[in-house]
Amino acid sequence: MLAPLAREDSMRPFEGVRVIDVTHVLAGPFAAYQLAVLGADVIKVEHPDDPDQSRGAGTDKELNRRNMGTAFLTQASNKRSITLDLKQARDRDILKKLVATADVFVENYRPGAFDALGLGYDSLAAINPRLNYASFSAFGQEGPRGVQTAYDHVIQATSGIMAMTGTPEVNPVKFGSPAVDYATGMTGAFALSAALFQRERTGRGQRIDMAMLDVALILMSSHLTGYLRNGVHPKPNGNRNPHATNSAYQTKDGLVMLGASNLRQQLRLWLLLERPDMIKKTNEERDADRTREAQVLSEIMLMRTADEWENFLQARHVPAARVRTMGEAVADPQLKSRGIIHHHAGGNGVDGGFGVPLGAFTFAHGGPRIDTPPPELGQHNEEIFKELGVG
């Protein structure tokens, strides 16, 4: 249960909060991870013979064999690990003892599965009325699709995201990153934060129903509103945005993405390119002349390298960037200055160093921090069972 703590500048928001993380793969574990880096005591519960499948996934095959794959390492720092077989009455009783000490319970199994085990919201809330219970699923706990399952790419197909991604010639295309999963994790962490805040006012825990499909729709919010207003389906336009000065162009050695989006920026761009004749006073004029603008820009952009254009335009307050690989992006000094990546010197079952994402924001004090490396399967069984007084 949330314990009172002394006010300290270094105290993180969720210190004293206990989270029971009975999740697997990505969205659920990533949500719990957000609380872990902000100080929560996150206890990850896995089946001893069928652990989180992310433990066996990633770029390092040897780590996959050790159940410490990079997909797992990504979202497991600061967590403690225990193993329970929830089909066994004894292990369910242990979980209930944990729940009695907890503030948050997170699960992402098939809707109805935990109710069938006597571990649904009503059962656990009877043990701990202050518990915030979050269920993550593909489509939500109810509705016509509630019983169906999916992964990120399946939700991309279902939601309409794939249909609007790609080029006019090559579509539909899924995102390169499992962005819906990560967005669901971040949204889930926000929902849990809100529930914890609400509980401090009401004294009551909350039931949270997180659906990946819902999050996918929110990721398309402006397109969704446009469709609902005018029935206009978003089109797959690749690197081509509605305004020519806000699109990608080939340079001497690669692509540069221009970001002269608003009227002030397009004016500045055309003046810098010594083409004042191309300046428009309204967005409707830009739309009408898009084809000609794109042709002019295509010719001009070939005159310099992508780096030269980025440096030239950014120095003059016109958004622009060379299209980079992940390796190039990670090497950017800006990321180092932000502290978004944490480097472990080594870890439990991991030989040698590795880096993981930390947080997408900073605090003036008491912000995201990693204290311990990702745990091996069942690493904290003895420690946590002793805390609970079970053998």
Protein backbone atom coordinates (compact mmCIF):
# COMPACT_ATOMS: atom_id res chain seq x y z
CA MET A 1 0.00 0.00 0.00
CA LEU A 2 1.18 3.53 -0.71
CA ALA A 3 3.37 4.54 2.22
CA PRO A 4 3.93 8.13 3.42
CA LEU A 5 7.40 9.37 2.62
CA ALA A 6 9.41 12.38 3.69
CA ARG A 7 9.61 15.23 1.21
CA GLU A 8 12.93 15.06 -0.60
CA ASP A 9 14.08 16.64 -3.82
CA SER A 10 15.39 13.26 -4.99
CA MET A 11 12.16 11.36 -4.26
CA ARG A 12 10.55 10.00 -7.39
CA PRO A 13 6.77 10.17 -7.94
CA PHE A 14 5.99 6.48 -7.40
CA GLU A 15 8.34 5.59 -4.57
CA GLY A 16 6.31 3.62 -2.05
CA VAL A 17 3.94 2.36 -4.76
CA ARG A 18 3.90 -1.40 -5.39
CA VAL A 19 2.96 -2.72 -8.83
CA ILE A 20 2.14 -6.36 -9.60
CA ASP A 21 3.06 -6.86 -13.25
CA VAL A 22 1.43 -10.02 -14.66
CA THR A 23 2.02 -9.09 -18.28
CA HIS A 24 3.95 -10.30 -21.27
CA VAL A 25 5.34 -9.18 -24.64
CA LEU A 26 5.18 -5.37 -24.92
CA ALA A 27 2.33 -2.97 -24.09
CA GLY A 28 1.67 -4.20 -20.54
CA PRO A 29 5.33 -4.62 -19.53
CA PHE A 30 6.16 -1.23 -21.04
CA ALA A 31 3.42 0.45 -18.98
CA ALA A 32 4.77 -1.10 -15.77
CA TYR A 33 8.28 -0.07 -16.80
CA GLN A 34 7.22 3.59 -16.92
CA LEU A 35 6.23 3.33 -13.25
CA ALA A 36 9.40 1.41 -12.38
CA VAL A 37 11.77 4.11 -13.62
CA LEU A 38 9.79 6.61 -11.57
CA GLY A 39 10.40 4.69 -8.38
CA ALA A 40 7.65 2.06 -8.11
CA ASP A 41 8.44 -1.39 -6.72
CA VAL A 42 7.41 -3.45 -9.75
CA ILE A 43 7.16 -7.19 -9.16
CA LYS A 44 7.01 -9.10 -12.44
CA VAL A 45 5.09 -12.39 -12.19
CA GLU A 46 5.82 -15.09 -14.78
CA HIS A 47 5.05 -18.77 -15.25
CA PRO A 48 8.16 -20.82 -14.33
CA ASP A 49 7.96 -22.92 -17.51
CA ASP A 50 6.38 -20.38 -19.88
CA PRO A 51 7.90 -16.95 -19.17
CA ASP A 52 7.25 -13.65 -20.92
CA GLN A 53 7.89 -14.41 -24.59
CA SER A 54 9.91 -11.20 -24.91
CA ARG A 55 12.64 -12.98 -22.92
CA GLY A 56 13.33 -15.07 -26.02
CA ALA A 57 13.19 -12.26 -28.57
CA GLY A 58 15.70 -9.72 -29.82
CA THR A 59 18.87 -9.15 -31.78
CA ASP A 60 21.19 -11.32 -29.62
CA LYS A 61 20.53 -15.04 -30.09
CA GLU A 62 22.65 -16.07 -27.12
CA LEU A 63 20.66 -13.79 -24.82
CA ASN A 64 17.45 -15.19 -26.30
CA ARG A 65 18.57 -18.67 -25.27
CA ARG A 66 19.23 -17.38 -21.73
CA ASN A 67 15.72 -15.86 -21.49
CA MET A 68 17.30 -12.40 -21.40
CA GLY A 69 16.57 -11.23 -24.94
CA THR A 70 16.94 -7.57 -25.87
CA ALA A 71 13.15 -7.23 -26.23
CA PHE A 72 12.91 -8.11 -22.52
CA LEU A 73 15.89 -5.98 -21.48
CA THR A 74 14.19 -2.97 -23.05
CA GLN A 75 11.45 -2.81 -20.42
CA ALA A 76 12.59 -4.74 -17.34
CA SER A 77 15.11 -2.58 -15.47
CA ASN A 78 14.16 -1.76 -11.86
CA LYS A 79 11.76 -4.73 -11.76
CA ARG A 80 11.90 -7.77 -9.48
CA SER A 81 10.95 -11.20 -10.83
CA ILE A 82 9.04 -14.08 -9.29
CA THR A 83 7.57 -17.22 -10.82
CA LEU A 84 4.04 -18.48 -10.12
CA ASP A 85 1.84 -21.02 -11.87
CA LEU A 86 -1.54 -19.34 -11.52
CA LYS A 87 -3.37 -22.55 -12.41
CA GLN A 88 -2.24 -23.86 -9.02
CA ALA A 89 -4.30 -22.84 -5.97
CA ARG A 90 -1.21 -22.35 -3.80
CA ASP A 91 0.34 -19.93 -6.27
CA ARG A 92 -2.92 -18.03 -6.67
CA ASP A 93 -2.98 -17.63 -2.90
CA ILE A 94 0.54 -16.22 -3.00
CA LEU A 95 -0.53 -13.74 -5.68
CA LYS A 96 -3.47 -12.67 -3.51
CA LYS A 97 -1.08 -12.05 -0.61
CA LEU A 98 0.92 -9.82 -2.95
CA VAL A 99 -2.22 -8.01 -4.05
CA ALA A 100 -3.03 -7.19 -0.44
CA THR A 101 0.24 -5.21 -0.30
CA ALA A 102 -0.12 -3.59 -3.72
CA ASP A 103 -1.33 -0.33 -5.24
CA VAL A 104 -1.46 -1.44 -8.87
CA PHE A 105 -2.21 -4.74 -10.63
CA VAL A 106 -1.55 -5.01 -14.37
CA GLU A 107 -2.45 -7.97 -16.60
CA ASN A 108 -2.73 -8.47 -20.35
CA TYR A 109 -4.08 -11.95 -20.84
CA ARG A 110 -7.14 -12.94 -22.83
CA PRO A 111 -10.22 -11.10 -21.58
CA GLY A 112 -12.02 -13.27 -19.03
CA ALA A 113 -8.99 -15.47 -18.28
CA PHE A 114 -8.26 -13.91 -14.90
CA ASP A 115 -11.95 -13.88 -13.92
CA ALA A 116 -12.00 -17.62 -14.57
CA LEU A 117 -9.08 -18.04 -12.16
CA GLY A 118 -10.77 -15.98 -9.46
CA LEU A 119 -8.28 -13.17 -10.07
CA GLY A 120 -10.57 -10.68 -11.79
CA TYR A 121 -11.12 -7.12 -10.64
CA ASP A 122 -14.04 -7.87 -8.33
CA SER A 123 -12.16 -10.66 -6.57
CA LEU A 124 -8.97 -8.69 -6.05
CA ALA A 125 -10.77 -5.46 -5.14
CA ALA A 126 -12.52 -7.41 -2.37
CA ILE A 127 -9.05 -8.16 -0.97
CA ASN A 128 -7.76 -4.62 -1.52
CA PRO A 129 -10.38 -1.91 -2.27
CA ARG A 130 -7.62 0.63 -2.95
CA LEU A 131 -6.17 -1.49 -5.75
CA ASN A 132 -5.94 0.01 -9.24
CA TYR A 133 -6.48 -2.92 -11.62
CA ALA A 134 -5.50 -2.45 -15.29
CA SER A 135 -6.26 -4.93 -18.06
CA PHE A 136 -4.54 -4.52 -21.41
CA SER A 137 -5.99 -6.24 -24.47
CA ALA A 138 -6.31 -5.90 -28.21
CA PHE A 139 -9.94 -4.74 -28.38
CA GLY A 140 -11.07 -4.18 -24.79
CA GLN A 141 -12.77 -6.39 -22.24
CA GLU A 142 -16.20 -6.27 -23.88
CA GLY A 143 -17.83 -5.60 -27.25
CA PRO A 144 -18.13 -7.75 -30.39
CA ARG A 145 -14.35 -8.17 -30.66
CA GLY A 146 -13.62 -8.45 -26.94
CA VAL A 147 -12.77 -12.16 -27.14
CA GLN A 148 -10.37 -11.70 -30.07
CA THR A 149 -6.61 -11.34 -29.74
CA ALA A 150 -4.01 -9.42 -31.72
CA TYR A 151 -0.52 -8.00 -31.82
CA ASP A 152 0.67 -4.55 -32.86
CA HIS A 153 0.77 -5.31 -36.59
CA VAL A 154 -2.70 -6.87 -36.49
CA ILE A 155 -4.07 -3.75 -34.81
CA GLN A 156 -2.34 -1.60 -37.43
CA ALA A 157 -4.24 -3.55 -40.06
CA THR A 158 -7.55 -3.37 -38.15
CA SER A 159 -7.42 0.31 -37.27
CA GLY A 160 -6.75 1.86 -40.69
CA ILE A 161 -3.17 2.90 -39.90
CA MET A 162 -1.72 0.50 -42.48
CA ALA A 163 -4.12 1.71 -45.16
CA MET A 164 -2.86 5.29 -44.78
CA THR A 165 0.82 4.32 -44.62
CA GLY A 166 3.14 3.81 -47.59
CA THR A 167 3.25 5.47 -50.98
CA PRO A 168 0.53 5.73 -53.65
CA GLU A 169 2.33 2.89 -55.44
CA VAL A 170 3.22 0.71 -52.42
CA ASN A 171 0.55 0.38 -49.74
CA PRO A 172 -0.66 -0.63 -47.22
CA VAL A 173 2.54 -0.68 -45.13
CA LYS A 174 2.94 -1.19 -41.40
CA PHE A 175 5.08 1.07 -39.23
CA GLY A 176 8.69 -0.06 -38.85
CA SER A 177 8.32 0.21 -35.07
CA PRO A 178 5.55 -1.46 -33.02
CA ALA A 179 4.34 2.05 -32.27
CA VAL A 180 0.82 1.03 -31.23
CA ASP A 181 2.21 -1.27 -28.55
CA TYR A 182 4.51 1.41 -27.17
CA ALA A 183 1.78 4.04 -27.33
CA THR A 184 -0.54 1.67 -25.48
CA GLY A 185 2.10 1.21 -22.80
CA MET A 186 2.58 4.96 -22.43
CA THR A 187 -1.17 5.58 -22.40
CA GLY A 188 -1.59 2.82 -19.84
CA ALA A 189 1.04 4.41 -17.61
CA PHE A 190 -0.83 7.71 -17.90
CA ALA A 191 -4.10 6.01 -16.98
CA LEU A 192 -2.48 4.35 -13.97
CA SER A 193 -0.95 7.64 -12.87
CA ALA A 194 -4.37 9.30 -13.10
CA ALA A 195 -5.97 6.45 -11.15
CA LEU A 196 -3.37 6.71 -8.39
CA PHE A 197 -3.95 10.47 -8.18
CA GLN A 198 -7.71 9.97 -8.11
CA ARG A 199 -7.41 7.37 -5.36
CA GLU A 200 -5.62 9.84 -3.12
CA ARG A 201 -8.78 11.97 -3.30
CA THR A 202 -11.46 9.28 -3.17
CA GLY A 203 -9.77 6.43 -1.31
CA ARG A 204 -11.05 4.00 -3.96
CA GLY A 205 -9.14 1.98 -6.50
CA GLN A 206 -10.02 1.99 -10.19
CA ARG A 207 -10.75 -0.56 -12.93
CA ILE A 208 -8.85 0.35 -16.10
CA ASP A 209 -9.68 -1.21 -19.47
CA MET A 210 -6.91 -0.52 -22.01
CA ALA A 211 -7.50 -1.48 -25.66
CA MET A 212 -4.81 -1.29 -28.34
CA LEU A 213 -7.42 -0.52 -31.00
CA ASP A 214 -8.57 2.54 -29.03
CA VAL A 215 -5.00 3.80 -28.80
CA ALA A 216 -4.46 3.26 -32.53
CA LEU A 217 -7.48 5.46 -33.27
CA ILE A 218 -6.16 8.17 -30.94
CA LEU A 219 -2.84 8.06 -32.83
CA MET A 220 -4.79 9.11 -35.92
CA SER A 221 -6.83 11.78 -34.15
CA SER A 222 -6.73 14.59 -36.74
CA HIS A 223 -7.30 12.16 -39.60
CA LEU A 224 -10.19 10.63 -37.66
CA THR A 225 -11.84 14.00 -37.13
CA GLY A 226 -11.39 14.87 -40.80
CA TYR A 227 -13.01 11.62 -41.85
CA LEU A 228 -15.91 12.01 -39.42
CA ARG A 229 -16.54 15.54 -40.72
CA ASN A 230 -16.14 15.09 -44.47
CA GLY A 231 -15.84 11.35 -45.10
CA VAL A 232 -12.31 11.82 -46.47
CA HIS A 233 -10.16 8.72 -46.14
CA PRO A 234 -6.49 9.54 -45.36
CA LYS A 235 -4.28 8.54 -48.28
CA PRO A 236 -0.84 6.87 -48.26
CA ASN A 237 1.38 9.69 -49.49
CA GLY A 238 4.79 8.44 -48.38
CA ASN A 239 7.22 11.31 -47.80
CA ARG A 240 4.90 13.75 -49.53
CA ASN A 241 2.99 16.05 -47.18
CA PRO A 242 0.12 18.30 -48.29
CA HIS A 243 2.43 21.30 -48.69
CA ALA A 244 5.44 21.01 -50.98
CA THR A 245 7.65 22.99 -48.60
CA ASN A 246 6.89 20.41 -45.90
CA SER A 247 8.04 17.26 -47.71
CA ALA A 248 11.14 15.17 -48.48
CA TYR A 249 13.51 15.73 -51.39
CA GLN A 250 16.54 14.04 -52.86
CA THR A 251 19.84 15.90 -52.41
CA LYS A 252 23.32 15.21 -53.69
CA ASP A 253 23.72 12.30 -51.26
CA GLY A 254 20.41 11.43 -49.60
CA LEU A 255 17.02 12.64 -48.51
CA VAL A 256 16.31 15.82 -46.59
CA MET A 257 12.94 16.41 -44.95
CA LEU A 258 11.81 20.02 -45.17
CA GLY A 259 9.53 21.32 -42.45
CA ALA A 260 8.48 24.74 -43.69
CA SER A 261 4.95 24.06 -42.60
CA ASN A 262 3.25 27.35 -41.87
CA LEU A 263 3.03 30.49 -44.00
CA ARG A 264 5.82 32.29 -42.14
CA GLN A 265 8.20 29.39 -42.61
CA GLN A 266 7.42 28.94 -46.31
CA LEU A 267 8.03 32.67 -46.84
CA ARG A 268 11.39 32.39 -45.11
CA LEU A 269 12.31 29.29 -47.14
CA TRP A 270 11.53 30.84 -50.51
CA LEU A 271 13.47 33.98 -49.63
CA LEU A 272 16.49 31.87 -48.59
CA LEU A 273 16.24 29.96 -51.87
CA GLU A 274 16.05 33.27 -53.74
CA ARG A 275 12.64 32.46 -55.16
CA PRO A 276 10.38 35.23 -53.83
CA ASP A 277 8.07 34.60 -56.77
CA MET A 278 7.01 31.32 -55.10
CA ILE A 279 5.80 32.92 -51.85
CA LYS A 280 2.11 32.38 -51.13
CA LYS A 281 -0.22 34.39 -48.90
CA THR A 282 -2.69 31.59 -48.13
CA ASN A 283 -2.57 27.82 -47.72
CA GLU A 284 -5.15 27.47 -50.48
CA GLU A 285 -2.69 29.13 -52.88
CA ARG A 286 -0.02 26.67 -51.75
CA ASP A 287 -2.37 23.74 -52.37
CA ALA A 288 -3.22 24.98 -55.85
CA ASP A 289 0.45 25.38 -56.80
CA ARG A 290 1.81 22.28 -55.09
CA THR A 291 2.95 20.44 -58.20
CA ARG A 292 5.01 23.41 -59.44
CA GLU A 293 6.46 24.08 -55.99
CA ALA A 294 7.57 20.46 -55.67
CA GLN A 295 9.26 20.56 -59.07
CA VAL A 296 11.16 23.74 -58.20
CA LEU A 297 12.25 22.33 -54.85
CA SER A 298 13.30 19.02 -56.40
CA GLU A 299 15.74 20.87 -58.67
CA ILE A 300 17.09 23.20 -55.98
CA MET A 301 17.64 20.48 -53.37
CA LEU A 302 19.98 18.61 -55.72
CA MET A 303 22.46 21.48 -55.48
CA ARG A 304 23.75 20.56 -51.98
CA THR A 305 24.17 17.55 -49.71
CA ALA A 306 21.55 16.67 -47.11
CA ASP A 307 23.87 17.77 -44.28
CA GLU A 308 24.57 21.07 -46.01
CA TRP A 309 20.86 21.76 -46.43
CA GLU A 310 20.10 20.82 -42.81
CA ASN A 311 22.83 23.06 -41.44
CA PHE A 312 21.98 25.94 -43.77
CA LEU A 313 18.24 25.89 -43.11
CA GLN A 314 18.32 25.17 -39.39
CA ALA A 315 20.74 28.06 -38.87
CA ARG A 316 18.12 30.30 -40.49
CA HIS A 317 15.13 28.97 -38.52
CA VAL A 318 13.64 26.73 -41.18
CA PRO A 319 12.96 23.18 -39.89
CA ALA A 320 14.85 20.58 -41.91
CA ALA A 321 16.65 17.29 -41.29
CA ARG A 322 18.71 14.74 -43.13
CA VAL A 323 17.02 11.33 -43.02
CA ARG A 324 19.12 9.28 -40.60
CA THR A 325 19.57 5.64 -39.65
CA MET A 326 19.03 4.59 -36.04
CA GLY A 327 22.79 4.40 -35.55
CA GLU A 328 23.21 7.95 -36.77
CA ALA A 329 20.33 9.15 -34.61
CA VAL A 330 21.71 7.49 -31.46
CA ALA A 331 25.12 9.08 -32.10
CA ASP A 332 23.58 12.56 -32.14
CA PRO A 333 25.04 14.59 -29.23
CA GLN A 334 21.54 15.91 -28.56
CA LEU A 335 20.37 12.50 -27.35
CA LYS A 336 23.35 12.23 -25.00
CA SER A 337 22.48 15.62 -23.55
CA ARG A 338 18.91 14.45 -22.90
CA GLY A 339 19.84 11.30 -20.98
CA ILE A 340 17.17 9.21 -22.72
CA ILE A 341 19.43 6.14 -22.89
CA HIS A 342 20.74 4.34 -19.81
CA HIS A 343 23.87 2.21 -20.17
CA HIS A 344 24.18 -0.91 -18.01
CA ALA A 345 27.76 -2.10 -17.47
CA GLY A 346 26.38 -5.63 -17.33
CA GLY A 347 23.54 -7.43 -15.68
CA ASN A 348 21.86 -10.55 -14.42
CA GLY A 349 22.60 -13.22 -16.99
CA VAL A 350 24.00 -10.64 -19.43
CA ASP A 351 27.72 -10.50 -20.19
CA GLY A 352 28.97 -7.06 -21.18
CA GLY A 353 27.30 -3.72 -21.42
CA PHE A 354 24.01 -2.80 -23.02
CA GLY A 355 21.82 0.27 -23.33
CA VAL A 356 18.09 0.68 -22.74
CA PRO A 357 15.60 3.54 -23.11
CA LEU A 358 14.96 5.40 -19.87
CA GLY A 359 12.32 8.11 -20.16
CA ALA A 360 10.93 10.47 -22.78
CA PHE A 361 11.02 13.45 -20.42
CA THR A 362 13.10 14.97 -17.65
CA PHE A 363 12.18 16.41 -14.25
CA ALA A 364 14.01 19.16 -12.41
CA HIS A 365 14.26 16.69 -9.52
CA GLY A 366 13.17 13.12 -8.76
CA GLY A 367 12.78 12.12 -12.39
CA PRO A 368 13.18 8.79 -14.23
CA ARG A 369 16.14 6.73 -13.03
CA ILE A 370 17.36 3.17 -13.43
CA ASP A 371 18.77 1.53 -10.32
CA THR A 372 18.91 -2.19 -11.11
CA PRO A 373 19.36 -4.26 -14.29
CA PRO A 374 16.61 -6.49 -15.69
CA PRO A 375 16.05 -9.58 -13.52
CA GLU A 376 16.54 -13.20 -14.44
CA LEU A 377 13.48 -15.41 -14.37
CA GLY A 378 12.43 -15.97 -10.74
CA GLN A 379 15.48 -14.14 -9.42
CA HIS A 380 13.58 -12.65 -6.48
CA ASN A 381 11.44 -15.64 -5.47
CA GLU A 382 13.16 -16.20 -2.13
CA GLU A 383 13.33 -12.48 -1.31
CA ILE A 384 9.68 -11.70 -2.05
CA PHE A 385 8.25 -14.92 -0.63
CA LYS A 386 10.11 -14.17 2.59
CA GLU A 387 8.56 -10.69 2.63
CA LEU A 388 5.13 -12.33 2.34
CA GLY A 389 5.89 -14.96 4.94
CA VAL A 390 5.43 -17.91 2.59
CA GLY A 391 7.81 -20.80 2.08
